[in-house]
Amino acid sequence: MADGHAKPVRLDERLALRPSEAAEVLGISERTFRSILPTLPHLRIGGRVVVPVDGLRRWLEDEQRSQRGRADRATDEILATIGSSRQ
């Protein structure tokens, strides 16, 4: 754009995002995004990396479930430790 401000990314209008756009919509730096890129669904088209929007959404949902599961297991372990130390 002429005023130097980037146009907001409209996910409802896109099938895939460039890494800089994906980082922006996730609210992380492009450097951080590129460090997690190998774990994300992505492909190369004409030498450019693109991240499918639907794949990114699924990845986020899977990560959320995974992290919630780890937190639940850690909480269970802590509670079990506390319970056994009281006996």
C-alpha atoms as a PDB file:
ATOM      1  CA  MET A   1       0.000   0.000   0.000  1.00  0.00           C
ATOM      2  CA  ALA A   2       1.117   3.556  -0.610  1.00  0.00           C
ATOM      3  CA  ASP A   3       0.988   4.641   3.053  1.00  0.00           C
ATOM      4  CA  GLY A   4       3.418   1.871   4.131  1.00  0.00           C
ATOM      5  CA  HIS A   5       0.831  -0.140   6.067  1.00  0.00           C
ATOM      6  CA  ALA A   6       0.303  -3.717   5.024  1.00  0.00           C
ATOM      7  CA  LYS A   7      -3.191  -4.842   4.144  1.00  0.00           C
ATOM      8  CA  PRO A   8      -4.540  -7.215   6.834  1.00  0.00           C
ATOM      9  CA  VAL A   9      -4.472 -10.895   5.886  1.00  0.00           C
ATOM     10  CA  ARG A  10      -7.988 -12.153   5.136  1.00  0.00           C
ATOM     11  CA  LEU A  11      -7.968 -15.854   5.990  1.00  0.00           C
ATOM     12  CA  ASP A  12     -11.441 -16.322   4.552  1.00  0.00           C
ATOM     13  CA  GLU A  13     -10.077 -15.291   1.146  1.00  0.00           C
ATOM     14  CA  ARG A  14      -6.871 -17.357   1.115  1.00  0.00           C
ATOM     15  CA  LEU A  15      -6.030 -21.012   0.564  1.00  0.00           C
ATOM     16  CA  ALA A  16      -2.414 -20.615   1.675  1.00  0.00           C
ATOM     17  CA  LEU A  17      -0.112 -18.081   3.324  1.00  0.00           C
ATOM     18  CA  ARG A  18       3.503 -17.074   2.876  1.00  0.00           C
ATOM     19  CA  PRO A  19       5.623 -17.610   6.012  1.00  0.00           C
ATOM     20  CA  SER A  20       5.577 -13.891   6.873  1.00  0.00           C
ATOM     21  CA  GLU A  21       1.771 -13.841   6.658  1.00  0.00           C
ATOM     22  CA  ALA A  22       1.397 -17.028   8.699  1.00  0.00           C
ATOM     23  CA  ALA A  23       3.690 -15.577  11.383  1.00  0.00           C
ATOM     24  CA  GLU A  24       1.606 -12.405  11.420  1.00  0.00           C
ATOM     25  CA  VAL A  25      -1.718 -14.200  11.889  1.00  0.00           C
ATOM     26  CA  LEU A  26      -0.204 -16.374  14.637  1.00  0.00           C
ATOM     27  CA  GLY A  27       1.200 -13.297  16.363  1.00  0.00           C
ATOM     28  CA  ILE A  28       4.781 -14.550  16.371  1.00  0.00           C
ATOM     29  CA  SER A  29       7.959 -13.395  14.684  1.00  0.00           C
ATOM     30  CA  GLU A  30       8.846 -14.723  11.272  1.00  0.00           C
ATOM     31  CA  ARG A  31      12.049 -16.134  12.773  1.00  0.00           C
ATOM     32  CA  THR A  32      10.056 -18.124  15.333  1.00  0.00           C
ATOM     33  CA  PHE A  33       7.652 -19.226  12.630  1.00  0.00           C
ATOM     34  CA  ARG A  34      10.470 -20.487  10.440  1.00  0.00           C
ATOM     35  CA  SER A  35      11.851 -22.479  13.400  1.00  0.00           C
ATOM     36  CA  ILE A  36       8.534 -24.372  13.721  1.00  0.00           C
ATOM     37  CA  LEU A  37       7.925 -24.617   9.975  1.00  0.00           C
ATOM     38  CA  PRO A  38       9.224 -28.218   9.726  1.00  0.00           C
ATOM     39  CA  THR A  39       6.421 -29.302  12.103  1.00  0.00           C
ATOM     40  CA  LEU A  40       3.731 -27.533  10.063  1.00  0.00           C
ATOM     41  CA  PRO A  41       1.936 -28.674   6.948  1.00  0.00           C
ATOM     42  CA  HIS A  42       3.595 -26.741   4.124  1.00  0.00           C
ATOM     43  CA  LEU A  43       4.718 -27.121   0.558  1.00  0.00           C
ATOM     44  CA  ARG A  44       6.981 -25.526  -1.976  1.00  0.00           C
ATOM     45  CA  ILE A  45       5.480 -24.071  -5.102  1.00  0.00           C
ATOM     46  CA  GLY A  46       7.862 -22.572  -7.621  1.00  0.00           C
ATOM     47  CA  GLY A  47      10.601 -22.270  -5.017  1.00  0.00           C
ATOM     48  CA  ARG A  48       8.319 -20.524  -2.517  1.00  0.00           C
ATOM     49  CA  VAL A  49       7.072 -21.981   0.752  1.00  0.00           C
ATOM     50  CA  VAL A  50       3.339 -21.780   1.370  1.00  0.00           C
ATOM     51  CA  VAL A  51       1.302 -22.925   4.363  1.00  0.00           C
ATOM     52  CA  PRO A  52      -2.263 -24.072   3.660  1.00  0.00           C
ATOM     53  CA  VAL A  53      -4.706 -22.163   5.885  1.00  0.00           C
ATOM     54  CA  ASP A  54      -6.766 -25.285   6.673  1.00  0.00           C
ATOM     55  CA  GLY A  55      -3.621 -27.238   7.541  1.00  0.00           C
ATOM     56  CA  LEU A  56      -2.456 -24.443   9.841  1.00  0.00           C
ATOM     57  CA  ARG A  57      -5.823 -24.458  11.620  1.00  0.00           C
ATOM     58  CA  ARG A  58      -5.678 -28.250  12.091  1.00  0.00           C
ATOM     59  CA  TRP A  59      -2.089 -28.013  13.352  1.00  0.00           C
ATOM     60  CA  LEU A  60      -3.126 -25.383  15.911  1.00  0.00           C
ATOM     61  CA  GLU A  61      -6.026 -27.530  17.114  1.00  0.00           C
ATOM     62  CA  ASP A  62      -3.747 -30.586  17.394  1.00  0.00           C
ATOM     63  CA  GLU A  63      -1.126 -28.578  19.299  1.00  0.00           C
ATOM     64  CA  GLN A  64      -3.768 -27.225  21.660  1.00  0.00           C
ATOM     65  CA  ARG A  65      -5.050 -30.744  22.405  1.00  0.00           C
ATOM     66  CA  SER A  66      -1.505 -32.031  22.828  1.00  0.00           C
ATOM     67  CA  GLN A  67      -0.470 -29.245  25.186  1.00  0.00           C
ATOM     68  CA  ARG A  68      -3.691 -29.568  27.167  1.00  0.00           C
ATOM     69  CA  GLY A  69      -3.019 -33.303  27.487  1.00  0.00           C
ATOM     70  CA  ARG A  70       0.526 -32.689  28.721  1.00  0.00           C
ATOM     71  CA  ALA A  71      -0.714 -30.121  31.241  1.00  0.00           C
ATOM     72  CA  ASP A  72      -3.400 -32.527  32.469  1.00  0.00           C
ATOM     73  CA  ARG A  73      -0.825 -35.317  32.904  1.00  0.00           C
ATOM     74  CA  ALA A  74       1.546 -32.978  34.740  1.00  0.00           C
ATOM     75  CA  THR A  75      -1.272 -31.863  37.040  1.00  0.00           C
ATOM     76  CA  ASP A  76      -2.201 -35.494  37.728  1.00  0.00           C
ATOM     77  CA  GLU A  77       1.423 -36.297  38.602  1.00  0.00           C
ATOM     78  CA  ILE A  78       1.674 -33.313  40.946  1.00  0.00           C
ATOM     79  CA  LEU A  79      -1.577 -34.210  42.677  1.00  0.00           C
ATOM     80  CA  ALA A  80      -0.490 -37.829  43.022  1.00  0.00           C
ATOM     81  CA  THR A  81       2.813 -36.731  44.544  1.00  0.00           C
ATOM     82  CA  ILE A  82       1.071 -34.412  46.972  1.00  0.00           C
ATOM     83  CA  GLY A  83      -1.417 -37.136  47.881  1.00  0.00           C
ATOM     84  CA  SER A  84       1.285 -39.740  48.512  1.00  0.00           C
ATOM     85  CA  SER A  85       3.353 -37.341  50.622  1.00  0.00           C
ATOM     86  CA  ARG A  86       0.378 -36.775  52.949  1.00  0.00           C
ATOM     87  CA  GLN A  87       0.045 -40.467  53.733  1.00  0.00           C
END
